[in-house]
C-alpha atoms as a PDB file:
ATOM      1  CA  MET A   1     106.671  91.004 116.357  1.00  0.00           C
ATOM      2  CA  LYS A   2     105.453  93.263 119.114  1.00  0.00           C
ATOM      3  CA  LYS A   3     106.810  92.730 122.626  1.00  0.00           C
ATOM      4  CA  ARG A   4     104.298  91.353 125.119  1.00  0.00           C
ATOM      5  CA  VAL A   5     104.081  93.563 128.247  1.00  0.00           C
ATOM      6  CA  ALA A   6     102.632  92.962 131.642  1.00  0.00           C
ATOM      7  CA  ALA A   7     101.682  95.971 133.791  1.00  0.00           C
ATOM      8  CA  LEU A   8     101.788  95.308 137.506  1.00  0.00           C
ATOM      9  CA  ILE A   9      99.447  97.462 139.596  1.00  0.00           C
ATOM     10  CA  SER A  10      98.058  97.795 143.067  1.00  0.00           C
ATOM     11  CA  GLY A  11      95.441 100.457 142.562  1.00  0.00           C
ATOM     12  CA  ARG A  12      93.806 102.472 139.778  1.00  0.00           C
ATOM     13  CA  GLY A  13      96.741 102.184 137.496  1.00  0.00           C
ATOM     14  CA  SER A  14      96.850 105.566 135.848  1.00  0.00           C
ATOM     15  CA  ASN A  15     100.300 104.889 134.298  1.00  0.00           C
ATOM     16  CA  MET A  16      98.988 101.532 133.118  1.00  0.00           C
ATOM     17  CA  THR A  17      96.190 103.405 131.307  1.00  0.00           C
ATOM     18  CA  SER A  18      98.770 105.635 129.593  1.00  0.00           C
ATOM     19  CA  LEU A  19     100.663 102.565 128.422  1.00  0.00           C
ATOM     20  CA  ILE A  20      97.433 100.999 127.126  1.00  0.00           C
ATOM     21  CA  ALA A  21      96.579 104.158 125.189  1.00  0.00           C
ATOM     22  CA  ALA A  22     100.099 104.375 123.660  1.00  0.00           C
ATOM     23  CA  ALA A  23     100.005 100.713 122.624  1.00  0.00           C
ATOM     24  CA  LYS A  24      96.896 101.307 120.552  1.00  0.00           C
ATOM     25  CA  ASP A  25      99.097 102.992 117.920  1.00  0.00           C
ATOM     26  CA  PRO A  26      99.865 100.304 115.277  1.00  0.00           C
ATOM     27  CA  ALA A  27     103.404 101.589 115.092  1.00  0.00           C
ATOM     28  CA  PHE A  28     104.037 101.106 118.816  1.00  0.00           C
ATOM     29  CA  PRO A  29     106.431  98.179 119.250  1.00  0.00           C
ATOM     30  CA  ALA A  30     104.678  96.606 122.278  1.00  0.00           C
ATOM     31  CA  GLN A  31     101.274  95.419 123.308  1.00  0.00           C
ATOM     32  CA  ILE A  32      99.858  95.351 126.814  1.00  0.00           C
ATOM     33  CA  ALA A  33      99.073  91.660 127.056  1.00  0.00           C
ATOM     34  CA  LEU A  34      98.432  91.365 130.774  1.00  0.00           C
ATOM     35  CA  VAL A  35      97.559  93.374 133.798  1.00  0.00           C
ATOM     36  CA  LEU A  36      98.476  91.732 137.086  1.00  0.00           C
ATOM     37  CA  SER A  37      97.614  93.067 140.610  1.00  0.00           C
ATOM     38  CA  ASN A  38      98.397  91.997 144.115  1.00  0.00           C
ATOM     39  CA  ARG A  39      95.055  93.455 145.213  1.00  0.00           C
ATOM     40  CA  PRO A  40      91.811  91.908 143.973  1.00  0.00           C
ATOM     41  CA  ASP A  41      89.967  95.195 144.513  1.00  0.00           C
ATOM     42  CA  ALA A  42      92.410  97.240 142.386  1.00  0.00           C
ATOM     43  CA  ALA A  43      90.374  99.527 140.148  1.00  0.00           C
ATOM     44  CA  GLY A  44      92.856  99.105 137.308  1.00  0.00           C
ATOM     45  CA  LEU A  45      91.807  95.524 136.810  1.00  0.00           C
ATOM     46  CA  GLU A  46      88.329  96.536 135.556  1.00  0.00           C
ATOM     47  CA  THR A  47      89.948  99.231 133.362  1.00  0.00           C
ATOM     48  CA  ALA A  48      92.075  96.596 131.690  1.00  0.00           C
ATOM     49  CA  ARG A  49      89.078  94.254 131.199  1.00  0.00           C
ATOM     50  CA  ARG A  50      87.108  97.007 129.574  1.00  0.00           C
ATOM     51  CA  GLU A  51      89.981  97.326 127.079  1.00  0.00           C
ATOM     52  CA  GLY A  52      89.918  93.636 126.351  1.00  0.00           C
ATOM     53  CA  ILE A  53      93.157  92.952 128.206  1.00  0.00           C
ATOM     54  CA  GLU A  54      93.660  89.904 130.383  1.00  0.00           C
ATOM     55  CA  ALA A  55      93.538  90.936 134.010  1.00  0.00           C
ATOM     56  CA  VAL A  56      94.668  88.727 136.867  1.00  0.00           C
ATOM     57  CA  ALA A  57      94.589  89.278 140.655  1.00  0.00           C
ATOM     58  CA  LEU A  58      96.935  87.381 143.013  1.00  0.00           C
ATOM     59  CA  ASP A  59      96.141  88.468 146.557  1.00  0.00           C
ATOM     60  CA  HIS A  60      99.564  88.598 148.312  1.00  0.00           C
ATOM     61  CA  LYS A  61      97.857  88.019 151.644  1.00  0.00           C
ATOM     62  CA  ALA A  62      97.008  84.474 150.463  1.00  0.00           C
ATOM     63  CA  TYR A  63     100.641  83.457 150.367  1.00  0.00           C
ATOM     64  CA  ALA A  64     102.750  82.527 153.402  1.00  0.00           C
ATOM     65  CA  THR A  65     105.898  84.249 152.186  1.00  0.00           C
ATOM     66  CA  ARG A  66     106.929  86.929 149.725  1.00  0.00           C
ATOM     67  CA  GLU A  67     108.839  84.277 147.727  1.00  0.00           C
ATOM     68  CA  GLU A  68     105.693  82.120 147.332  1.00  0.00           C
ATOM     69  CA  PHE A  69     103.746  85.163 146.059  1.00  0.00           C
ATOM     70  CA  GLU A  70     106.427  86.087 143.579  1.00  0.00           C
ATOM     71  CA  ARG A  71     106.772  82.535 142.267  1.00  0.00           C
ATOM     72  CA  ALA A  72     103.017  82.537 141.616  1.00  0.00           C
ATOM     73  CA  MET A  73     103.407  85.848 139.783  1.00  0.00           C
ATOM     74  CA  GLN A  74     106.274  84.422 137.733  1.00  0.00           C
ATOM     75  CA  GLU A  75     104.090  81.452 136.698  1.00  0.00           C
ATOM     76  CA  VAL A  76     101.380  83.797 135.417  1.00  0.00           C
ATOM     77  CA  LEU A  77     103.877  85.957 133.576  1.00  0.00           C
ATOM     78  CA  LEU A  78     105.479  82.956 131.859  1.00  0.00           C
ATOM     79  CA  ALA A  79     102.058  81.464 131.025  1.00  0.00           C
ATOM     80  CA  HIS A  80     101.222  84.700 129.163  1.00  0.00           C
ATOM     81  CA  ASN A  81     104.617  84.750 127.295  1.00  0.00           C
ATOM     82  CA  ILE A  82     105.547  88.125 128.743  1.00  0.00           C
ATOM     83  CA  ASP A  83     108.652  89.862 127.438  1.00  0.00           C
ATOM     84  CA  ILE A  84     108.714  93.075 129.485  1.00  0.00           C
ATOM     85  CA  VAL A  85     107.308  93.910 132.928  1.00  0.00           C
ATOM     86  CA  CYS A  86     106.252  97.498 133.801  1.00  0.00           C
ATOM     87  CA  LEU A  87     105.669  98.380 137.391  1.00  0.00           C
ATOM     88  CA  ALA A  88     102.784 100.892 137.368  1.00  0.00           C
ATOM     89  CA  GLY A  89     101.931 101.674 140.951  1.00  0.00           C
ATOM     90  CA  PHE A  90     102.819  98.204 142.240  1.00  0.00           C
ATOM     91  CA  MET A  91     103.162  98.771 145.961  1.00  0.00           C
ATOM     92  CA  ARG A  92     105.237  95.703 146.805  1.00  0.00           C
ATOM     93  CA  LEU A  93     108.975  95.451 147.303  1.00  0.00           C
ATOM     94  CA  LEU A  94     110.378  92.768 145.085  1.00  0.00           C
ATOM     95  CA  THR A  95     112.987  90.217 146.132  1.00  0.00           C
ATOM     96  CA  PRO A  96     116.344  89.919 144.405  1.00  0.00           C
ATOM     97  CA  TRP A  97     115.265  86.596 143.019  1.00  0.00           C
ATOM     98  CA  PHE A  98     112.279  88.016 141.156  1.00  0.00           C
ATOM     99  CA  VAL A  99     114.229  91.078 139.971  1.00  0.00           C
ATOM    100  CA  GLU A 100     116.930  88.837 138.528  1.00  0.00           C
ATOM    101  CA  GLN A 101     114.310  86.910 136.481  1.00  0.00           C
ATOM    102  CA  TRP A 102     113.516  90.192 134.643  1.00  0.00           C
ATOM    103  CA  SER A 103     116.925  91.872 134.680  1.00  0.00           C
ATOM    104  CA  GLY A 104     117.060  94.399 131.842  1.00  0.00           C
ATOM    105  CA  LYS A 105     113.363  93.673 131.047  1.00  0.00           C
ATOM    106  CA  MET A 106     111.530  95.337 133.998  1.00  0.00           C
ATOM    107  CA  LEU A 107     110.789  99.110 134.254  1.00  0.00           C
ATOM    108  CA  ASN A 108     109.540 101.314 137.018  1.00  0.00           C
ATOM    109  CA  ILE A 109     108.347 104.876 137.085  1.00  0.00           C
ATOM    110  CA  HIS A 110     109.014 107.071 140.125  1.00  0.00           C
ATOM    111  CA  PRO A 111     107.587 110.504 140.869  1.00  0.00           C
ATOM    112  CA  ALA A 112     110.901 112.273 141.439  1.00  0.00           C
ATOM    113  CA  LEU A 113     114.117 113.137 139.652  1.00  0.00           C
ATOM    114  CA  LEU A 114     116.173 110.179 140.881  1.00  0.00           C
ATOM    115  CA  PRO A 115     118.548 109.755 142.609  1.00  0.00           C
ATOM    116  CA  LEU A 116     116.745 112.421 144.649  1.00  0.00           C
ATOM    117  CA  TYR A 117     113.768 111.458 146.807  1.00  0.00           C
ATOM    118  CA  LYS A 118     113.690 107.726 146.725  1.00  0.00           C
ATOM    119  CA  GLY A 119     110.711 106.147 148.513  1.00  0.00           C
ATOM    120  CA  LEU A 120     107.426 107.702 149.382  1.00  0.00           C
ATOM    121  CA  HIS A 121     106.061 111.287 149.872  1.00  0.00           C
ATOM    122  CA  THR A 122     108.297 112.767 147.118  1.00  0.00           C
ATOM    123  CA  HIS A 123     106.246 115.880 146.446  1.00  0.00           C
ATOM    124  CA  GLU A 124     106.155 116.823 150.144  1.00  0.00           C
ATOM    125  CA  ARG A 125     109.886 116.305 150.478  1.00  0.00           C
ATOM    126  CA  ALA A 126     110.694 118.338 147.364  1.00  0.00           C
ATOM    127  CA  LEU A 127     108.520 121.283 148.653  1.00  0.00           C
ATOM    128  CA  ALA A 128     110.149 121.066 152.069  1.00  0.00           C
ATOM    129  CA  ASP A 129     113.651 121.293 150.526  1.00  0.00           C
ATOM    130  CA  GLY A 130     112.672 124.266 148.384  1.00  0.00           C
ATOM    131  CA  VAL A 131     113.850 122.774 145.084  1.00  0.00           C
ATOM    132  CA  LYS A 132     112.869 124.626 141.922  1.00  0.00           C
ATOM    133  CA  LEU A 133     112.656 121.549 139.663  1.00  0.00           C
ATOM    134  CA  HIS A 134     110.917 118.290 140.415  1.00  0.00           C
ATOM    135  CA  GLY A 135     109.702 115.538 138.108  1.00  0.00           C
ATOM    136  CA  ALA A 136     109.604 111.842 137.256  1.00  0.00           C
ATOM    137  CA  THR A 137     111.970 109.073 136.326  1.00  0.00           C
ATOM    138  CA  VAL A 138     111.721 105.782 134.434  1.00  0.00           C
ATOM    139  CA  HIS A 139     114.454 103.314 135.266  1.00  0.00           C
ATOM    140  CA  PHE A 140     115.413  99.625 135.047  1.00  0.00           C
ATOM    141  CA  VAL A 141     114.536  97.772 138.185  1.00  0.00           C
ATOM    142  CA  VAL A 142     117.372  96.421 140.332  1.00  0.00           C
ATOM    143  CA  PRO A 143     117.169  94.944 143.858  1.00  0.00           C
ATOM    144  CA  GLY A 144     117.693  98.326 145.558  1.00  0.00           C
ATOM    145  CA  MET A 145     114.483 100.381 145.928  1.00  0.00           C
ATOM    146  CA  ASP A 146     114.181 103.155 143.311  1.00  0.00           C
ATOM    147  CA  GLU A 147     117.638 102.454 142.051  1.00  0.00           C
ATOM    148  CA  GLY A 148     118.813 101.095 138.668  1.00  0.00           C
ATOM    149  CA  PRO A 149     119.954 102.696 135.410  1.00  0.00           C
ATOM    150  CA  ILE A 150     117.872 105.685 134.450  1.00  0.00           C
ATOM    151  CA  ILE A 151     116.210 105.563 130.960  1.00  0.00           C
ATOM    152  CA  ALA A 152     114.247 108.909 130.872  1.00  0.00           C
ATOM    153  CA  GLN A 153     113.312 111.867 133.101  1.00  0.00           C
ATOM    154  CA  ALA A 154     110.948 114.706 132.830  1.00  0.00           C
ATOM    155  CA  ALA A 155     111.126 117.894 134.923  1.00  0.00           C
ATOM    156  CA  VAL A 156     108.508 120.418 135.953  1.00  0.00           C
ATOM    157  CA  PRO A 157     108.966 123.768 137.674  1.00  0.00           C
ATOM    158  CA  VAL A 158     108.089 124.037 141.338  1.00  0.00           C
ATOM    159  CA  LEU A 159     105.857 127.114 141.864  1.00  0.00           C
ATOM    160  CA  SER A 160     105.667 129.210 144.986  1.00  0.00           C
ATOM    161  CA  ALA A 161     101.962 128.431 145.509  1.00  0.00           C
ATOM    162  CA  ASP A 162     102.348 124.721 145.017  1.00  0.00           C
ATOM    163  CA  THR A 163     100.940 122.166 147.375  1.00  0.00           C
ATOM    164  CA  PRO A 164     101.866 118.430 147.195  1.00  0.00           C
ATOM    165  CA  GLU A 165      98.603 117.931 145.349  1.00  0.00           C
ATOM    166  CA  THR A 166      99.159 120.548 142.677  1.00  0.00           C
ATOM    167  CA  LEU A 167     102.824 119.636 142.200  1.00  0.00           C
ATOM    168  CA  GLY A 168     101.938 115.966 142.086  1.00  0.00           C
ATOM    169  CA  ALA A 169      99.299 116.557 139.371  1.00  0.00           C
ATOM    170  CA  ARG A 170     101.792 118.313 137.098  1.00  0.00           C
ATOM    171  CA  VAL A 171     104.339 115.475 137.645  1.00  0.00           C
ATOM    172  CA  LEU A 172     101.697 112.883 136.913  1.00  0.00           C
ATOM    173  CA  GLN A 173     100.926 114.518 133.515  1.00  0.00           C
ATOM    174  CA  GLN A 174     104.566 114.046 132.636  1.00  0.00           C
ATOM    175  CA  GLU A 175     104.634 110.472 133.901  1.00  0.00           C
ATOM    176  CA  HIS A 176     101.857 109.603 131.429  1.00  0.00           C
ATOM    177  CA  LYS A 177     104.083 110.878 128.603  1.00  0.00           C
ATOM    178  CA  LEU A 178     107.376 109.561 129.933  1.00  0.00           C
ATOM    179  CA  TYR A 179     106.450 105.906 130.581  1.00  0.00           C
ATOM    180  CA  PRO A 180     105.231 105.156 127.044  1.00  0.00           C
ATOM    181  CA  LEU A 181     108.354 106.758 125.689  1.00  0.00           C
ATOM    182  CA  ALA A 182     110.621 104.567 127.821  1.00  0.00           C
ATOM    183  CA  LEU A 183     108.643 101.407 126.999  1.00  0.00           C
ATOM    184  CA  ARG A 184     108.828 102.220 123.293  1.00  0.00           C
ATOM    185  CA  LEU A 185     112.545 102.575 123.397  1.00  0.00           C
ATOM    186  CA  LEU A 186     113.021  99.283 125.253  1.00  0.00           C
ATOM    187  CA  ALA A 187     110.641  97.358 123.045  1.00  0.00           C
ATOM    188  CA  ALA A 188     112.292  98.724 119.919  1.00  0.00           C
ATOM    189  CA  GLY A 189     115.759  97.561 121.121  1.00  0.00           C
ATOM    190  CA  ALA A 190     116.999 101.147 121.356  1.00  0.00           C
ATOM    191  CA  LEU A 191     118.450 100.845 124.913  1.00  0.00           C
ATOM    192  CA  GLN A 192     121.846  99.567 126.049  1.00  0.00           C
ATOM    193  CA  ILE A 193     122.799  99.323 129.696  1.00  0.00           C
ATOM    194  CA  ASP A 194     126.380 100.503 130.242  1.00  0.00           C
ATOM    195  CA  GLY A 195     127.091 100.126 133.972  1.00  0.00           C
ATOM    196  CA  ALA A 196     124.999 102.687 135.789  1.00  0.00           C
ATOM    197  CA  ARG A 197     124.088 104.439 132.473  1.00  0.00           C
ATOM    198  CA  VAL A 198     121.576 103.731 129.737  1.00  0.00           C
ATOM    199  CA  LEU A 199     122.701 104.501 126.163  1.00  0.00           C
ATOM    200  CA  ILE A 200     120.005 105.384 123.699  1.00  0.00           C
ATOM    201  CA  THR A 201     120.470 104.770 119.995  1.00  0.00           C
ATOM    202  CA  LYS A 202     119.470 107.635 117.651  1.00  0.00           C
ATOM    203  CA  GLU A 203     119.297 110.053 120.603  1.00  0.00           C
ATOM    204  CA  SER A 204     118.498 113.666 119.609  1.00  0.00           C
ATOM    205  CA  ALA A 205     121.318 116.152 120.318  1.00  0.00           C
ATOM    206  CA  THR A 206     119.122 118.585 122.212  1.00  0.00           C
ATOM    207  CA  THR A 207     120.931 121.536 123.828  1.00  0.00           C
ATOM    208  CA  GLY A 208     117.932 123.200 125.491  1.00  0.00           C
ATOM    209  CA  ALA A 209     117.373 123.463 129.206  1.00  0.00           C
ATOM    210  CA  LEU A 210     114.409 123.771 131.541  1.00  0.00           C
ATOM    211  CA  ILE A 211     114.953 126.717 133.868  1.00  0.00           C
ATOM    212  CA  SER A 212     112.786 127.695 136.828  1.00  0.00           C
ATOM    213  CA  PRO A 213     111.733 130.385 137.519  1.00  0.00           C
ATOM    214  CA  ASP A 214     111.427 131.382 133.827  1.00  0.00           C
ATOM    215  CA  LEU A 215     111.117 135.254 134.182  1.00  0.00           C
END
């Protein structure tokens, strides 16, 4: 039985699109059963509908409190029998109550190598600091912003001529590979949370390294 996944978005949902594409593989252990947005004008809603996926908008501005909005989201998720929630550009901070409902079952992708560069403007900050490697991280969601046990990371070299836009484009390419990988591992039951760490069953014993600059 494939796990039923909800992708939460606030905009175009490019990472949502990568999850939808991956889930088309009959061997993928999850299906994208719902796309839920806090913005009725989110472009990703129409993308989901074109793919035949249920798409629901709950305008957060229509609710008096953050808790009321999240309880409405929870009702929609439960009504669709969702097993896993994937935050895919969902630009709302979540309360501890909502996070607790999905403990160990909610993922987020962040455009940086956590624990570095939590929050916004990650590419600008990486360039300002002069780092040579930057990247993306998929992690379990906990109440702290951009915290939680790390499932997978992908690194890209930072080039001398990079701008936030060029660096961000290369990171985004890796995000689209990384998020489906992390979801596949979770849906297949291959992840175990051990404190701050995530243990992966049948992990490959790679000894290679990404070095930048590679001269």
